[in-house]
Amino acid sequence: MQKKQPFPQLLSGDSEDHVSIPLLSSEDEAAMEREDTPEVLPILPLRNTVLFPGVVLPINVGRDQSLQLLKEAHKGGLDIGVMTQLDGDIENPEQADLHEVGTVASIMKMLRMPDGSNTVIIQGKKRCSMGEVIETEPYMKAKITPFPDAEDGWDDKEREALQQSLQEMSMEVIQHSPNIPSEAAIAIKNIDSLRFLVHFIASNMNAEKEQKQNLLEVPGLKARVENVM
């Protein structure tokens, strides 16, 4: 898979880090969390990026297995498990080549580009852990376990203070970064969910793939906020 297509760039000057709007509301996020997670999902490997819950990600599809997986899942309205490769250079990754923690995702749209390439737009829904591989052909399918946030034991005032601090820090970065468009500030101001705010920033920040994967794997939301800050 997958060099991302040029969707609106928000929090990074790196052309490899793009995300598109619309933004996720607290109600949308809660609805995603309430959805049942299938016991088995087709597994889509990502070479060089990490998908966070709530984030919309456009990806160029290069592998035949991935294209077949996406076409069948999209036709059937099925979710997929999205896992990042340990080494993006591996062409046909096996389970040992993938991070265990990933994201359940839905397929929003599939596009045939003018140059003949295929682009898929996916949206993360919730974190998950990959277990036993059930099938490897024509593409990988594996058992999936939800990976919900650990209890942080914080009150509403602390949550609100952290969200305000994170938004203010992000706004300051935007103001001092000429390569980041003004739409980024509007996006940050309009995110009402702390969890999505963290995931939105983590997805677009100028950080290495492994740093983003580490953030995805942090058990509790409070710790994830602190790590991003």
Protein backbone atom coordinates (compact mmCIF):
# COMPACT_ATOMS: atom_id res chain seq x y z
CA MET A 1 0.00 0.00 0.00
CA GLN A 2 0.10 3.30 -0.09
CA LYS A 3 1.42 6.65 -0.51
CA LYS A 4 -1.18 9.09 0.69
CA GLN A 5 -2.84 11.39 -1.81
CA PRO A 6 -2.79 15.18 -1.39
CA PHE A 7 -5.79 15.75 0.84
CA PRO A 8 -5.90 18.91 2.99
CA GLN A 9 -2.71 19.13 5.02
CA LEU A 10 -3.32 20.13 8.60
CA LEU A 11 -0.63 19.69 11.22
CA SER A 12 2.56 18.82 9.41
CA GLY A 13 4.75 20.18 6.67
CA ASP A 14 5.62 16.61 5.68
CA SER A 15 3.90 15.53 2.47
CA GLU A 16 3.49 12.04 3.94
CA ASP A 17 1.12 13.32 6.63
CA HIS A 18 -2.29 14.35 5.38
CA VAL A 19 -5.80 13.98 6.66
CA SER A 20 -9.16 15.10 5.41
CA ILE A 21 -12.15 16.72 7.02
CA PRO A 22 -15.02 16.13 8.10
CA LEU A 23 -14.15 16.05 11.76
CA LEU A 24 -15.56 13.50 14.16
CA SER A 25 -18.06 14.67 16.77
CA SER A 26 -18.32 13.27 20.28
CA GLU A 27 -21.61 11.61 19.31
CA ASP A 28 -20.05 9.96 16.25
CA GLU A 29 -17.13 8.75 18.33
CA ALA A 30 -19.41 7.28 21.00
CA ALA A 31 -21.44 5.49 18.32
CA MET A 32 -18.27 3.94 16.88
CA GLU A 33 -17.20 2.76 20.32
CA ARG A 34 -20.57 1.10 20.90
CA GLU A 35 -20.42 -0.89 17.67
CA ASP A 36 -19.72 -4.59 18.01
CA THR A 37 -16.32 -5.64 16.73
CA PRO A 38 -16.37 -8.76 14.52
CA GLU A 39 -14.34 -11.65 15.89
CA VAL A 40 -12.50 -12.03 12.57
CA LEU A 41 -11.54 -9.26 10.15
CA PRO A 42 -9.57 -9.04 6.91
CA ILE A 43 -6.21 -7.42 7.68
CA LEU A 44 -4.92 -4.51 5.62
CA PRO A 45 -1.17 -3.88 6.11
CA LEU A 46 0.07 -0.28 5.92
CA ARG A 47 3.68 0.26 4.93
CA ASN A 48 4.65 3.62 6.37
CA THR A 49 1.75 5.18 8.22
CA VAL A 50 -0.46 4.60 11.27
CA LEU A 51 -4.24 4.90 11.29
CA PHE A 52 -5.82 6.41 14.41
CA PRO A 53 -9.48 6.06 15.46
CA GLY A 54 -11.72 8.73 13.94
CA VAL A 55 -9.13 9.87 11.41
CA VAL A 56 -9.90 9.78 7.69
CA LEU A 57 -6.99 8.54 5.60
CA PRO A 58 -6.63 8.40 1.79
CA ILE A 59 -4.23 5.68 0.65
CA ASN A 60 -2.90 4.59 -2.71
CA VAL A 61 -3.38 0.83 -3.15
CA GLY A 62 -0.51 -0.96 -4.85
CA ARG A 63 -0.72 -4.61 -3.79
CA ASP A 64 -3.08 -7.00 -5.57
CA GLN A 65 -4.02 -8.71 -2.29
CA SER A 66 -4.88 -5.38 -0.69
CA LEU A 67 -6.94 -4.30 -3.69
CA GLN A 68 -8.96 -7.54 -3.65
CA LEU A 69 -9.47 -7.25 0.12
CA LEU A 70 -10.71 -3.67 -0.17
CA LYS A 71 -13.01 -4.35 -3.11
CA GLU A 72 -14.67 -7.30 -1.36
CA ALA A 73 -14.97 -5.51 1.99
CA HIS A 74 -16.35 -2.37 0.34
CA LYS A 75 -18.89 -4.35 -1.68
CA GLY A 76 -20.05 -6.19 1.43
CA GLY A 77 -20.03 -3.13 3.68
CA LEU A 78 -17.54 -4.84 5.99
CA ASP A 79 -15.02 -3.37 8.39
CA ILE A 80 -11.32 -4.18 8.12
CA GLY A 81 -8.41 -4.39 10.53
CA VAL A 82 -5.62 -1.95 9.68
CA MET A 83 -2.14 -2.86 10.96
CA THR A 84 1.15 -1.07 10.37
CA GLN A 85 4.15 -3.04 9.13
CA LEU A 86 7.30 -3.22 11.22
CA ASP A 87 9.29 -2.87 8.01
CA GLY A 88 7.57 -1.04 5.18
CA ASP A 89 9.86 -2.60 2.58
CA ILE A 90 8.36 -6.07 3.02
CA GLU A 91 6.13 -6.72 0.02
CA ASN A 92 4.07 -9.64 1.38
CA PRO A 93 3.95 -9.24 5.16
CA GLU A 94 3.01 -12.10 7.46
CA GLN A 95 1.67 -11.74 11.00
CA ALA A 96 5.17 -11.46 12.47
CA ASP A 97 5.79 -8.47 10.19
CA LEU A 98 2.88 -6.47 11.60
CA HIS A 99 2.35 -4.53 14.82
CA GLU A 100 -0.13 -6.30 17.06
CA VAL A 101 -2.15 -3.15 17.87
CA GLY A 102 -4.02 -1.48 15.04
CA THR A 103 -7.35 0.08 14.21
CA VAL A 104 -10.70 -1.23 13.04
CA ALA A 105 -11.71 0.84 10.02
CA SER A 106 -14.53 1.36 7.56
CA ILE A 107 -14.09 1.97 3.85
CA MET A 108 -15.61 5.30 2.88
CA LYS A 109 -14.84 5.35 -0.83
CA MET A 110 -12.75 3.69 -3.53
CA LEU A 111 -11.48 5.77 -6.44
CA ARG A 112 -9.87 4.93 -9.77
CA MET A 113 -7.38 7.71 -10.48
CA PRO A 114 -6.63 9.15 -13.96
CA ASP A 115 -3.20 7.51 -13.96
CA GLY A 116 -4.79 4.10 -13.44
CA SER A 117 -3.90 3.77 -9.75
CA ASN A 118 -6.44 2.97 -7.04
CA THR A 119 -7.06 5.13 -3.99
CA VAL A 120 -9.13 4.10 -1.00
CA ILE A 121 -10.43 6.45 1.69
CA ILE A 122 -10.75 4.76 5.07
CA GLN A 123 -11.78 5.99 8.51
CA GLY A 124 -10.51 4.56 11.77
CA LYS A 125 -13.18 3.51 14.25
CA LYS A 126 -11.57 1.95 17.34
CA ARG A 127 -8.30 0.40 18.46
CA CYS A 128 -7.89 -3.37 18.27
CA SER A 129 -5.39 -6.16 18.84
CA MET A 130 -4.69 -8.81 16.23
CA GLY A 131 -4.68 -12.42 17.35
CA GLU A 132 -4.53 -15.75 15.53
CA VAL A 133 -4.43 -15.65 11.73
CA ILE A 134 -7.33 -17.67 10.32
CA GLU A 135 -6.62 -17.37 6.59
CA THR A 136 -3.75 -16.16 4.45
CA GLU A 137 -5.29 -16.51 0.98
CA PRO A 138 -6.44 -14.63 -0.98
CA TYR A 139 -5.55 -12.18 1.81
CA MET A 140 -4.97 -12.30 5.54
CA LYS A 141 -7.84 -12.69 7.99
CA ALA A 142 -7.26 -12.75 11.74
CA LYS A 143 -9.05 -12.81 15.06
CA ILE A 144 -9.55 -9.33 16.48
CA THR A 145 -9.94 -8.17 20.08
CA PRO A 146 -11.09 -4.64 21.01
CA PHE A 147 -8.41 -2.54 22.73
CA PRO A 148 -10.39 0.08 24.70
CA ASP A 149 -8.86 2.89 26.73
CA ALA A 150 -7.75 1.99 30.23
CA GLU A 151 -9.42 3.84 33.10
CA ASP A 152 -7.53 7.04 33.89
CA GLY A 153 -9.39 8.14 37.02
CA TRP A 154 -9.63 11.83 36.12
CA ASP A 155 -12.47 14.29 36.57
CA ASP A 156 -14.23 16.53 34.05
CA LYS A 157 -12.29 19.64 35.06
CA GLU A 158 -8.96 17.93 34.48
CA ARG A 159 -10.17 16.60 31.13
CA GLU A 160 -11.33 20.06 30.05
CA ALA A 161 -8.03 21.62 31.16
CA LEU A 162 -6.01 19.07 29.19
CA GLN A 163 -8.13 19.60 26.10
CA GLN A 164 -7.74 23.38 26.31
CA SER A 165 -3.98 23.08 26.79
CA LEU A 166 -3.66 20.73 23.83
CA GLN A 167 -5.69 23.03 21.61
CA GLU A 168 -3.67 26.08 22.66
CA MET A 169 -0.37 24.32 22.03
CA SER A 170 -1.59 23.17 18.60
CA MET A 171 -2.72 26.69 17.72
CA GLU A 172 0.69 28.04 18.66
CA VAL A 173 2.39 25.50 16.39
CA ILE A 174 0.06 26.46 13.54
CA GLN A 175 0.74 30.18 13.98
CA HIS A 176 4.49 29.63 13.75
CA SER A 177 4.38 27.22 10.83
CA PRO A 178 3.95 28.98 7.46
CA ASN A 179 3.48 25.67 5.62
CA ILE A 180 0.35 24.77 7.58
CA PRO A 181 -2.87 26.24 6.10
CA SER A 182 -5.28 28.33 8.13
CA GLU A 183 -7.92 25.59 7.85
CA ALA A 184 -5.94 23.69 10.47
CA ALA A 185 -6.78 26.28 13.11
CA ILE A 186 -10.47 26.04 12.28
CA ALA A 187 -10.32 22.26 12.54
CA ILE A 188 -8.59 22.32 15.93
CA LYS A 189 -11.08 24.83 17.35
CA ASN A 190 -14.07 22.73 16.27
CA ILE A 191 -13.03 19.38 17.72
CA ASP A 192 -15.14 18.75 20.82
CA SER A 193 -13.79 15.29 21.69
CA LEU A 194 -10.50 15.09 23.57
CA ARG A 195 -9.87 11.55 22.30
CA PHE A 196 -10.36 12.57 18.68
CA LEU A 197 -8.32 15.74 19.20
CA VAL A 198 -5.37 13.63 20.39
CA HIS A 199 -5.73 11.17 17.52
CA PHE A 200 -6.15 13.95 14.97
CA ILE A 201 -2.97 15.69 16.12
CA ALA A 202 -1.04 12.43 16.50
CA SER A 203 -1.93 11.44 12.95
CA ASN A 204 -0.72 14.74 11.49
CA MET A 205 2.23 15.64 13.69
CA ASN A 206 5.73 15.56 12.26
CA ALA A 207 6.80 12.30 13.90
CA GLU A 208 8.29 8.99 12.81
CA LYS A 209 6.06 6.00 12.10
CA GLU A 210 7.27 4.17 15.21
CA GLN A 211 6.54 7.19 17.41
CA LYS A 212 2.98 7.27 16.10
CA GLN A 213 2.60 3.53 16.60
CA ASN A 214 3.81 3.91 20.19
CA LEU A 215 1.17 6.61 20.75
CA LEU A 216 -1.53 4.35 19.35
CA GLU A 217 -0.52 1.63 21.81
CA VAL A 218 -0.56 3.82 24.96
CA PRO A 219 -3.32 2.17 27.08
CA GLY A 220 -4.94 5.23 28.69
CA LEU A 221 -6.21 8.42 27.08
CA LYS A 222 -4.66 10.70 29.71
CA ALA A 223 -1.21 9.21 29.12
CA ARG A 224 -1.74 9.55 25.36
CA VAL A 225 -2.58 13.24 25.80
CA GLU A 226 0.52 13.80 27.92
CA ASN A 227 2.74 12.00 25.40
CA VAL A 228 1.39 14.07 22.52
CA MET A 229 1.88 17.29 24.49
